[in-house]
């Protein structure tokens, strides 16, 4: 889970991180693209993925996110 970078009273914009920073220490299986790509958001819904958003494939009850890679 990514740290909450919006905590506090100022509602600061979350700090952008790159894929390398986000995946450090994770049991990452496969990364497509540059590890230096800046990420603004993370989603497990492939329909919401786009530029600046990292898609995380998760096996769910209804479907397996790995089918959308």
PDB file of N, CA and C in Angstrom:
ATOM      1  N   UNK A   1       0.841  -1.173   0.000  1.00  0.00           N
ATOM      2  CA  UNK A   1       0.000   0.000   0.000  1.00  0.00           C
ATOM      3  C   UNK A   1       0.887   1.237   0.000  1.00  0.00           C
ATOM      4  N   UNK A   2       0.522   2.219  -0.811  1.00  0.00           N
ATOM      5  CA  UNK A   2       1.294   3.453  -0.885  1.00  0.00           C
ATOM      6  C   UNK A   2       1.010   4.308   0.345  1.00  0.00           C
ATOM      7  N   UNK A   3       2.020   5.035   0.830  1.00  0.00           N
ATOM      8  CA  UNK A   3       1.788   5.899   1.984  1.00  0.00           C
ATOM      9  C   UNK A   3       0.807   6.997   1.645  1.00  0.00           C
ATOM     10  N   UNK A   4       0.024   7.428   2.636  1.00  0.00           N
ATOM     11  CA  UNK A   4      -0.938   8.509   2.442  1.00  0.00           C
ATOM     12  C   UNK A   4      -0.180   9.821   2.439  1.00  0.00           C
ATOM     13  N   UNK A   5      -0.062  10.417   1.274  1.00  0.00           N
ATOM     14  CA  UNK A   5       0.675  11.672   1.153  1.00  0.00           C
ATOM     15  C   UNK A   5      -0.259  12.871   1.160  1.00  0.00           C
ATOM     16  N   UNK A   6      -1.547  12.660   1.456  1.00  0.00           N
ATOM     17  CA  UNK A   6      -2.497  13.765   1.518  1.00  0.00           C
ATOM     18  C   UNK A   6      -2.879  14.082   2.956  1.00  0.00           C
ATOM     19  N   UNK A   7      -2.283  13.378   3.920  1.00  0.00           N
ATOM     20  CA  UNK A   7      -2.608  13.599   5.330  1.00  0.00           C
ATOM     21  C   UNK A   7      -2.223  15.013   5.740  1.00  0.00           C
ATOM     22  N   UNK A   8      -2.964  15.557   6.663  1.00  0.00           N
ATOM     23  CA  UNK A   8      -2.705  16.904   7.144  1.00  0.00           C
ATOM     24  C   UNK A   8      -3.844  17.824   6.788  1.00  0.00           C
ATOM     25  N   UNK A   9      -3.751  19.041   7.229  1.00  0.00           N
ATOM     26  CA  UNK A   9      -4.848  19.985   7.020  1.00  0.00           C
ATOM     27  C   UNK A   9      -4.713  20.780   5.735  1.00  0.00           C
ATOM     28  N   UNK A  10      -3.543  20.769   5.107  1.00  0.00           N
ATOM     29  CA  UNK A  10      -3.318  21.585   3.919  1.00  0.00           C
ATOM     30  C   UNK A  10      -3.800  20.948   2.628  1.00  0.00           C
ATOM     31  N   UNK A  11      -4.175  19.673   2.666  1.00  0.00           N
ATOM     32  CA  UNK A  11      -4.595  18.943   1.464  1.00  0.00           C
ATOM     33  C   UNK A  11      -3.582  19.123   0.350  1.00  0.00           C
ATOM     34  N   UNK A  12      -2.322  18.862   0.687  1.00  0.00           N
ATOM     35  CA  UNK A  12      -1.241  18.987  -0.276  1.00  0.00           C
ATOM     36  C   UNK A  12      -1.418  17.984  -1.401  1.00  0.00           C
ATOM     37  N   UNK A  13      -0.932  18.369  -2.587  1.00  0.00           N
ATOM     38  CA  UNK A  13      -0.957  17.449  -3.715  1.00  0.00           C
ATOM     39  C   UNK A  13      -0.014  16.297  -3.396  1.00  0.00           C
ATOM     40  N   UNK A  14      -0.447  15.048  -3.618  1.00  0.00           N
ATOM     41  CA  UNK A  14       0.428  13.894  -3.350  1.00  0.00           C
ATOM     42  C   UNK A  14       1.708  13.984  -4.174  1.00  0.00           C
ATOM     43  N   UNK A  15       2.816  13.547  -3.597  1.00  0.00           N
ATOM     44  CA  UNK A  15       4.099  13.527  -4.287  1.00  0.00           C
ATOM     45  C   UNK A  15       4.054  12.447  -5.355  1.00  0.00           C
ATOM     46  N   UNK A  16       4.485  12.799  -6.558  1.00  0.00           N
ATOM     47  CA  UNK A  16       4.592  11.797  -7.607  1.00  0.00           C
ATOM     48  C   UNK A  16       5.768  10.891  -7.288  1.00  0.00           C
ATOM     49  N   UNK A  17       5.606   9.625  -7.602  1.00  0.00           N
ATOM     50  CA  UNK A  17       6.662   8.643  -7.404  1.00  0.00           C
ATOM     51  C   UNK A  17       6.883   7.941  -8.725  1.00  0.00           C
ATOM     52  N   UNK A  18       8.058   7.335  -8.876  1.00  0.00           N
ATOM     53  CA  UNK A  18       8.271   6.554 -10.096  1.00  0.00           C
ATOM     54  C   UNK A  18       8.055   5.077  -9.789  1.00  0.00           C
ATOM     55  N   UNK A  19       7.984   4.279 -10.843  1.00  0.00           N
ATOM     56  CA  UNK A  19       7.686   2.853 -10.693  1.00  0.00           C
ATOM     57  C   UNK A  19       8.726   2.168  -9.807  1.00  0.00           C
ATOM     58  N   UNK A  20       9.982   2.555  -9.933  1.00  0.00           N
ATOM     59  CA  UNK A  20      11.029   1.954  -9.111  1.00  0.00           C
ATOM     60  C   UNK A  20      10.738   2.182  -7.620  1.00  0.00           C
ATOM     61  N   UNK A  21      10.365   3.399  -7.237  1.00  0.00           N
ATOM     62  CA  UNK A  21      10.074   3.711  -5.839  1.00  0.00           C
ATOM     63  C   UNK A  21       8.855   2.947  -5.330  1.00  0.00           C
ATOM     64  N   UNK A  22       7.839   2.836  -6.158  1.00  0.00           N
ATOM     65  CA  UNK A  22       6.596   2.178  -5.750  1.00  0.00           C
ATOM     66  C   UNK A  22       6.796   0.678  -5.567  1.00  0.00           C
ATOM     67  N   UNK A  23       7.581   0.069  -6.433  1.00  0.00           N
ATOM     68  CA  UNK A  23       7.707  -1.392  -6.404  1.00  0.00           C
ATOM     69  C   UNK A  23       8.857  -1.918  -5.546  1.00  0.00           C
ATOM     70  N   UNK A  24       9.655  -1.029  -4.961  1.00  0.00           N
ATOM     71  CA  UNK A  24      10.744  -1.493  -4.093  1.00  0.00           C
ATOM     72  C   UNK A  24      10.160  -2.346  -2.972  1.00  0.00           C
ATOM     73  N   UNK A  25      10.714  -3.515  -2.785  1.00  0.00           N
ATOM     74  CA  UNK A  25      10.280  -4.388  -1.704  1.00  0.00           C
ATOM     75  C   UNK A  25       9.021  -5.194  -1.993  1.00  0.00           C
ATOM     76  N   UNK A  26       8.420  -4.985  -3.165  1.00  0.00           N
ATOM     77  CA  UNK A  26       7.223  -5.752  -3.529  1.00  0.00           C
ATOM     78  C   UNK A  26       7.641  -7.060  -4.194  1.00  0.00           C
ATOM     79  N   UNK A  27       6.771  -8.007  -4.180  1.00  0.00           N
ATOM     80  CA  UNK A  27       7.003  -9.253  -4.902  1.00  0.00           C
ATOM     81  C   UNK A  27       6.597  -9.078  -6.351  1.00  0.00           C
ATOM     82  N   UNK A  28       7.162  -8.095  -7.023  1.00  0.00           N
ATOM     83  CA  UNK A  28       6.794  -7.761  -8.392  1.00  0.00           C
ATOM     84  C   UNK A  28       7.160  -8.886  -9.346  1.00  0.00           C
ATOM     85  N   UNK A  29       6.218  -9.256 -10.169  1.00  0.00           N
ATOM     86  CA  UNK A  29       6.436 -10.327 -11.129  1.00  0.00           C
ATOM     87  C   UNK A  29       6.868  -9.761 -12.473  1.00  0.00           C
ATOM     88  N   UNK A  30       6.178  -8.749 -12.961  1.00  0.00           N
ATOM     89  CA  UNK A  30       6.468  -8.219 -14.289  1.00  0.00           C
ATOM     90  C   UNK A  30       6.176  -6.732 -14.344  1.00  0.00           C
ATOM     91  N   UNK A  31       7.112  -5.973 -14.893  1.00  0.00           N
ATOM     92  CA  UNK A  31       6.930  -4.541 -15.094  1.00  0.00           C
ATOM     93  C   UNK A  31       7.125  -4.265 -16.570  1.00  0.00           C
ATOM     94  N   UNK A  32       6.189  -3.534 -17.168  1.00  0.00           N
ATOM     95  CA  UNK A  32       6.293  -3.150 -18.565  1.00  0.00           C
ATOM     96  C   UNK A  32       6.520  -1.648 -18.618  1.00  0.00           C
ATOM     97  N   UNK A  33       7.594  -1.230 -19.239  1.00  0.00           N
ATOM     98  CA  UNK A  33       7.900   0.190 -19.328  1.00  0.00           C
ATOM     99  C   UNK A  33       9.096   0.561 -18.477  1.00  0.00           C
ATOM    100  N   UNK A  34       9.436   1.828 -18.515  1.00  0.00           N
ATOM    101  CA  UNK A  34      10.594   2.333 -17.790  1.00  0.00           C
ATOM    102  C   UNK A  34      10.320   2.411 -16.291  1.00  0.00           C
ATOM    103  N   UNK A  35      11.289   2.011 -15.492  1.00  0.00           N
ATOM    104  CA  UNK A  35      11.165   2.104 -14.035  1.00  0.00           C
ATOM    105  C   UNK A  35      11.198   3.550 -13.555  1.00  0.00           C
ATOM    106  N   UNK A  36      11.594   4.467 -14.417  1.00  0.00           N
ATOM    107  CA  UNK A  36      11.680   5.879 -14.045  1.00  0.00           C
ATOM    108  C   UNK A  36      10.403   6.656 -14.379  1.00  0.00           C
ATOM    109  N   UNK A  37       9.393   6.000 -14.957  1.00  0.00           N
ATOM    110  CA  UNK A  37       8.131   6.651 -15.293  1.00  0.00           C
ATOM    111  C   UNK A  37       7.476   7.196 -14.033  1.00  0.00           C
ATOM    112  N   UNK A  38       7.094   8.484 -14.063  1.00  0.00           N
ATOM    113  CA  UNK A  38       6.428   9.107 -12.925  1.00  0.00           C
ATOM    114  C   UNK A  38       4.972   8.637 -12.870  1.00  0.00           C
ATOM    115  N   UNK A  39       4.523   8.281 -11.677  1.00  0.00           N
ATOM    116  CA  UNK A  39       3.181   7.754 -11.468  1.00  0.00           C
ATOM    117  C   UNK A  39       2.375   8.738 -10.626  1.00  0.00           C
ATOM    118  N   UNK A  40       1.165   9.071 -11.097  1.00  0.00           N
ATOM    119  CA  UNK A  40       0.275   9.976 -10.366  1.00  0.00           C
ATOM    120  C   UNK A  40      -0.824   9.219  -9.645  1.00  0.00           C
ATOM    121  N   UNK A  41      -1.077   7.976 -10.059  1.00  0.00           N
ATOM    122  CA  UNK A  41      -2.142   7.190  -9.445  1.00  0.00           C
ATOM    123  C   UNK A  41      -1.951   5.711  -9.710  1.00  0.00           C
ATOM    124  N   UNK A  42      -2.656   4.897  -8.935  1.00  0.00           N
ATOM    125  CA  UNK A  42      -2.595   3.444  -9.062  1.00  0.00           C
ATOM    126  C   UNK A  42      -4.024   2.923  -9.118  1.00  0.00           C
ATOM    127  N   UNK A  43      -4.282   1.959 -10.019  1.00  0.00           N
ATOM    128  CA  UNK A  43      -5.614   1.376 -10.123  1.00  0.00           C
ATOM    129  C   UNK A  43      -5.529  -0.115 -10.406  1.00  0.00           C
ATOM    130  N   UNK A  44      -6.566  -0.833  -9.981  1.00  0.00           N
ATOM    131  CA  UNK A  44      -6.675  -2.247 -10.342  1.00  0.00           C
ATOM    132  C   UNK A  44      -7.781  -2.444 -11.371  1.00  0.00           C
ATOM    133  N   UNK A  45      -8.307  -1.341 -11.907  1.00  0.00           N
ATOM    134  CA  UNK A  45      -9.354  -1.356 -12.940  1.00  0.00           C
ATOM    135  C   UNK A  45      -8.722  -0.904 -14.249  1.00  0.00           C
ATOM    136  N   UNK A  46      -8.521  -1.819 -15.181  1.00  0.00           N
ATOM    137  CA  UNK A  46      -7.831  -1.493 -16.429  1.00  0.00           C
ATOM    138  C   UNK A  46      -8.544  -0.403 -17.221  1.00  0.00           C
ATOM    139  N   UNK A  47      -9.840  -0.232 -17.026  1.00  0.00           N
ATOM    140  CA  UNK A  47     -10.585   0.818 -17.735  1.00  0.00           C
ATOM    141  C   UNK A  47     -10.198   2.204 -17.247  1.00  0.00           C
ATOM    142  N   UNK A  48      -9.658   2.294 -16.049  1.00  0.00           N
ATOM    143  CA  UNK A  48      -9.251   3.587 -15.485  1.00  0.00           C
ATOM    144  C   UNK A  48      -7.772   3.866 -15.669  1.00  0.00           C
ATOM    145  N   UNK A  49      -7.036   2.910 -16.216  1.00  0.00           N
ATOM    146  CA  UNK A  49      -5.596   3.082 -16.433  1.00  0.00           C
ATOM    147  C   UNK A  49      -5.356   3.970 -17.637  1.00  0.00           C
ATOM    148  N   UNK A  50      -4.317   4.758 -17.572  1.00  0.00           N
ATOM    149  CA  UNK A  50      -3.952   5.639 -18.671  1.00  0.00           C
ATOM    150  C   UNK A  50      -2.614   6.275 -18.353  1.00  0.00           C
ATOM    151  N   UNK A  51      -2.240   7.312 -19.098  1.00  0.00           N
ATOM    152  CA  UNK A  51      -0.962   7.970 -18.852  1.00  0.00           C
ATOM    153  C   UNK A  51      -0.839   8.424 -17.393  1.00  0.00           C
ATOM    154  N   UNK A  52       0.271   8.088 -16.768  1.00  0.00           N
ATOM    155  CA  UNK A  52       0.517   8.498 -15.392  1.00  0.00           C
ATOM    156  C   UNK A  52      -0.139   7.622 -14.344  1.00  0.00           C
ATOM    157  N   UNK A  53      -0.842   6.568 -14.779  1.00  0.00           N
ATOM    158  CA  UNK A  53      -1.514   5.669 -13.848  1.00  0.00           C
ATOM    159  C   UNK A  53      -0.914   4.274 -13.967  1.00  0.00           C
ATOM    160  N   UNK A  54      -0.579   3.680 -12.834  1.00  0.00           N
ATOM    161  CA  UNK A  54      -0.031   2.331 -12.832  1.00  0.00           C
ATOM    162  C   UNK A  54      -1.161   1.335 -12.614  1.00  0.00           C
ATOM    163  N   UNK A  55      -1.272   0.361 -13.517  1.00  0.00           N
ATOM    164  CA  UNK A  55      -2.269  -0.698 -13.395  1.00  0.00           C
ATOM    165  C   UNK A  55      -1.664  -1.857 -12.631  1.00  0.00           C
ATOM    166  N   UNK A  56      -2.354  -2.307 -11.597  1.00  0.00           N
ATOM    167  CA  UNK A  56      -1.918  -3.445 -10.793  1.00  0.00           C
ATOM    168  C   UNK A  56      -2.901  -4.578 -11.036  1.00  0.00           C
ATOM    169  N   UNK A  57      -2.414  -5.682 -11.582  1.00  0.00           N
ATOM    170  CA  UNK A  57      -3.273  -6.835 -11.875  1.00  0.00           C
ATOM    171  C   UNK A  57      -3.511  -7.633 -10.597  1.00  0.00           C
ATOM    172  N   UNK A  58      -4.785  -7.828 -10.275  1.00  0.00           N
ATOM    173  CA  UNK A  58      -5.181  -8.561  -9.072  1.00  0.00           C
ATOM    174  C   UNK A  58      -6.175  -9.637  -9.477  1.00  0.00           C
ATOM    175  N   UNK A  59      -6.011 -10.821  -8.948  1.00  0.00           N
ATOM    176  CA  UNK A  59      -6.968 -11.890  -9.210  1.00  0.00           C
ATOM    177  C   UNK A  59      -8.166 -11.677  -8.287  1.00  0.00           C
ATOM    178  N   UNK A  60      -9.339 -11.490  -8.885  1.00  0.00           N
ATOM    179  CA  UNK A  60     -10.547 -11.250  -8.110  1.00  0.00           C
ATOM    180  C   UNK A  60     -11.512 -12.415  -8.194  1.00  0.00           C
ATOM    181  N   UNK A  61     -12.706 -12.215  -7.620  1.00  0.00           N
ATOM    182  CA  UNK A  61     -13.723 -13.260  -7.638  1.00  0.00           C
ATOM    183  C   UNK A  61     -14.346 -13.410  -9.024  1.00  0.00           C
ATOM    184  N   UNK A  62     -14.617 -12.285  -9.691  1.00  0.00           N
ATOM    185  CA  UNK A  62     -15.296 -12.317 -10.977  1.00  0.00           C
ATOM    186  C   UNK A  62     -14.348 -12.447 -12.160  1.00  0.00           C
ATOM    187  N   UNK A  63     -13.155 -11.811 -12.052  1.00  0.00           N
ATOM    188  CA  UNK A  63     -12.198 -11.879 -13.162  1.00  0.00           C
ATOM    189  C   UNK A  63     -10.785 -11.754 -12.609  1.00  0.00           C
ATOM    190  N   UNK A  64      -9.825 -12.090 -13.463  1.00  0.00           N
ATOM    191  CA  UNK A  64      -8.414 -12.023 -13.109  1.00  0.00           C
ATOM    192  C   UNK A  64      -7.788 -10.870 -13.854  1.00  0.00           C
ATOM    193  N   UNK A  65      -7.304  -9.879 -13.128  1.00  0.00           N
ATOM    194  CA  UNK A  65      -6.701  -8.693 -13.744  1.00  0.00           C
ATOM    195  C   UNK A  65      -5.535  -9.009 -14.660  1.00  0.00           C
ATOM    196  N   UNK A  66      -4.920 -10.163 -14.478  1.00  0.00           N
ATOM    197  CA  UNK A  66      -3.803 -10.543 -15.342  1.00  0.00           C
ATOM    198  C   UNK A  66      -4.261 -10.745 -16.780  1.00  0.00           C
ATOM    199  N   UNK A  67      -5.553 -10.937 -17.008  1.00  0.00           N
ATOM    200  CA  UNK A  67      -6.096 -11.099 -18.365  1.00  0.00           C
ATOM    201  C   UNK A  67      -6.057  -9.784 -19.136  1.00  0.00           C
ATOM    202  N   UNK A  68      -5.870  -8.653 -18.437  1.00  0.00           N
ATOM    203  CA  UNK A  68      -5.923  -7.337 -19.070  1.00  0.00           C
ATOM    204  C   UNK A  68      -4.552  -6.720 -19.280  1.00  0.00           C
ATOM    205  N   UNK A  69      -3.511  -7.516 -19.098  1.00  0.00           N
ATOM    206  CA  UNK A  69      -2.151  -7.011 -19.316  1.00  0.00           C
ATOM    207  C   UNK A  69      -1.810  -7.161 -20.781  1.00  0.00           C
TER     208      UNK A  69
END
